[in-house]
């Protein structure tokens, strides 16, 4: 599933610094929820 199909293309288009600021304010549970909502977001919040 591409990021466009799960609606995450706009958030994934943000610069890494902005994405980091946004996700750093989330609880661990919210980060996990974000990661399971879409494969593209999973890769963004759990980089290898």
N, C-alpha and C. Protein backbone atom coordinates (compact mmCIF):
# COMPACT_ATOMS: atom_id res chain seq x y z
N UNK A 1 0.85 -1.18 0.00
CA UNK A 1 0.00 0.00 0.00
C UNK A 1 0.90 1.23 0.00
N UNK A 2 0.65 2.12 -0.92
CA UNK A 2 1.47 3.33 -0.99
C UNK A 2 0.97 4.34 0.03
N UNK A 3 1.82 5.34 0.28
CA UNK A 3 1.44 6.37 1.25
C UNK A 3 0.21 7.14 0.79
N UNK A 4 0.02 7.26 -0.54
CA UNK A 4 -1.16 7.96 -1.04
C UNK A 4 -2.44 7.21 -0.69
N UNK A 5 -2.40 5.89 -0.74
CA UNK A 5 -3.59 5.10 -0.45
C UNK A 5 -3.99 5.14 1.01
N UNK A 6 -3.02 5.33 1.91
CA UNK A 6 -3.39 5.38 3.33
C UNK A 6 -3.45 6.82 3.83
N UNK A 7 -3.34 7.80 2.94
CA UNK A 7 -3.54 9.19 3.31
C UNK A 7 -2.39 9.85 4.04
N UNK A 8 -1.21 9.28 3.98
CA UNK A 8 -0.08 9.82 4.73
C UNK A 8 0.88 10.63 3.87
N UNK A 9 0.59 10.82 2.61
CA UNK A 9 1.55 11.46 1.72
C UNK A 9 1.91 12.87 2.17
N UNK A 10 0.97 13.61 2.71
CA UNK A 10 1.27 14.98 3.14
C UNK A 10 2.20 15.01 4.34
N UNK A 11 1.95 14.16 5.33
CA UNK A 11 2.81 14.16 6.51
C UNK A 11 4.20 13.62 6.17
N UNK A 12 4.28 12.65 5.25
CA UNK A 12 5.58 12.12 4.85
C UNK A 12 6.35 13.10 3.98
N UNK A 13 5.67 14.08 3.41
CA UNK A 13 6.33 15.10 2.60
C UNK A 13 6.99 16.18 3.45
N UNK A 14 6.69 16.19 4.75
CA UNK A 14 7.31 17.18 5.64
C UNK A 14 8.80 16.92 5.76
N UNK A 15 9.59 17.98 5.97
CA UNK A 15 11.01 17.77 6.25
C UNK A 15 11.18 16.92 7.51
N UNK A 16 12.27 16.15 7.56
CA UNK A 16 12.51 15.27 8.70
C UNK A 16 12.50 16.02 10.03
N UNK A 17 13.02 17.24 10.04
CA UNK A 17 13.07 18.02 11.27
C UNK A 17 11.68 18.33 11.80
N UNK A 18 10.77 18.68 10.91
CA UNK A 18 9.40 18.99 11.30
C UNK A 18 8.68 17.73 11.76
N UNK A 19 8.86 16.63 11.02
CA UNK A 19 8.25 15.36 11.40
C UNK A 19 8.73 14.94 12.79
N UNK A 20 10.01 15.15 13.07
CA UNK A 20 10.57 14.80 14.38
C UNK A 20 9.95 15.64 15.49
N UNK A 21 9.75 16.92 15.24
CA UNK A 21 9.12 17.79 16.25
C UNK A 21 7.70 17.31 16.53
N UNK A 22 6.97 16.98 15.49
CA UNK A 22 5.59 16.52 15.67
C UNK A 22 5.55 15.21 16.44
N UNK A 23 6.34 14.23 16.02
CA UNK A 23 6.27 12.93 16.67
C UNK A 23 6.88 12.93 18.06
N UNK A 24 7.78 13.85 18.35
CA UNK A 24 8.37 13.89 19.69
C UNK A 24 7.36 14.35 20.74
N UNK A 25 6.30 15.00 20.30
CA UNK A 25 5.28 15.44 21.25
C UNK A 25 4.20 14.38 21.47
N UNK A 26 4.30 13.26 20.75
CA UNK A 26 3.32 12.19 20.90
C UNK A 26 3.72 11.23 22.02
N UNK A 27 2.73 10.60 22.60
CA UNK A 27 3.01 9.56 23.59
C UNK A 27 3.53 8.32 22.86
N UNK A 28 4.23 7.43 23.57
CA UNK A 28 4.68 6.19 22.91
C UNK A 28 3.53 5.41 22.27
N UNK A 29 2.40 5.40 22.93
CA UNK A 29 1.23 4.70 22.37
C UNK A 29 0.80 5.34 21.06
N UNK A 30 0.79 6.67 21.01
CA UNK A 30 0.40 7.37 19.79
C UNK A 30 1.40 7.13 18.66
N UNK A 31 2.69 7.07 18.99
CA UNK A 31 3.71 6.77 17.97
C UNK A 31 3.48 5.37 17.40
N UNK A 32 3.17 4.42 18.26
CA UNK A 32 2.88 3.05 17.80
C UNK A 32 1.64 3.04 16.92
N UNK A 33 0.62 3.78 17.30
CA UNK A 33 -0.60 3.86 16.49
C UNK A 33 -0.31 4.47 15.13
N UNK A 34 0.52 5.49 15.13
CA UNK A 34 0.91 6.12 13.87
C UNK A 34 1.64 5.11 12.99
N UNK A 35 2.53 4.34 13.60
CA UNK A 35 3.30 3.36 12.84
C UNK A 35 2.47 2.24 12.25
N UNK A 36 1.42 1.82 12.95
CA UNK A 36 0.60 0.72 12.41
C UNK A 36 -0.49 1.21 11.45
N UNK A 37 -0.65 2.51 11.34
CA UNK A 37 -1.70 3.03 10.47
C UNK A 37 -1.35 2.95 8.99
N UNK A 38 -0.06 2.86 8.67
CA UNK A 38 0.36 2.86 7.28
C UNK A 38 1.82 2.40 7.19
N UNK A 39 2.15 1.59 6.20
CA UNK A 39 3.54 1.14 6.06
C UNK A 39 4.54 2.29 5.90
N UNK A 40 4.15 3.33 5.18
CA UNK A 40 5.05 4.47 5.01
C UNK A 40 5.32 5.19 6.32
N UNK A 41 4.30 5.33 7.14
CA UNK A 41 4.47 5.96 8.45
C UNK A 41 5.23 5.04 9.39
N UNK A 42 5.03 3.74 9.26
CA UNK A 42 5.78 2.79 10.08
C UNK A 42 7.27 2.94 9.82
N UNK A 43 7.65 3.04 8.55
CA UNK A 43 9.06 3.22 8.21
C UNK A 43 9.58 4.56 8.73
N UNK A 44 8.73 5.56 8.77
CA UNK A 44 9.16 6.88 9.24
C UNK A 44 9.36 6.93 10.75
N UNK A 45 8.50 6.26 11.50
CA UNK A 45 8.60 6.32 12.97
C UNK A 45 9.48 5.22 13.54
N UNK A 46 9.75 4.18 12.76
CA UNK A 46 10.62 3.08 13.20
C UNK A 46 11.68 2.81 12.14
N UNK A 47 12.59 3.77 11.92
CA UNK A 47 13.61 3.55 10.88
C UNK A 47 14.54 2.40 11.24
N UNK A 48 15.03 1.73 10.23
CA UNK A 48 15.93 0.59 10.47
C UNK A 48 17.37 1.04 10.55
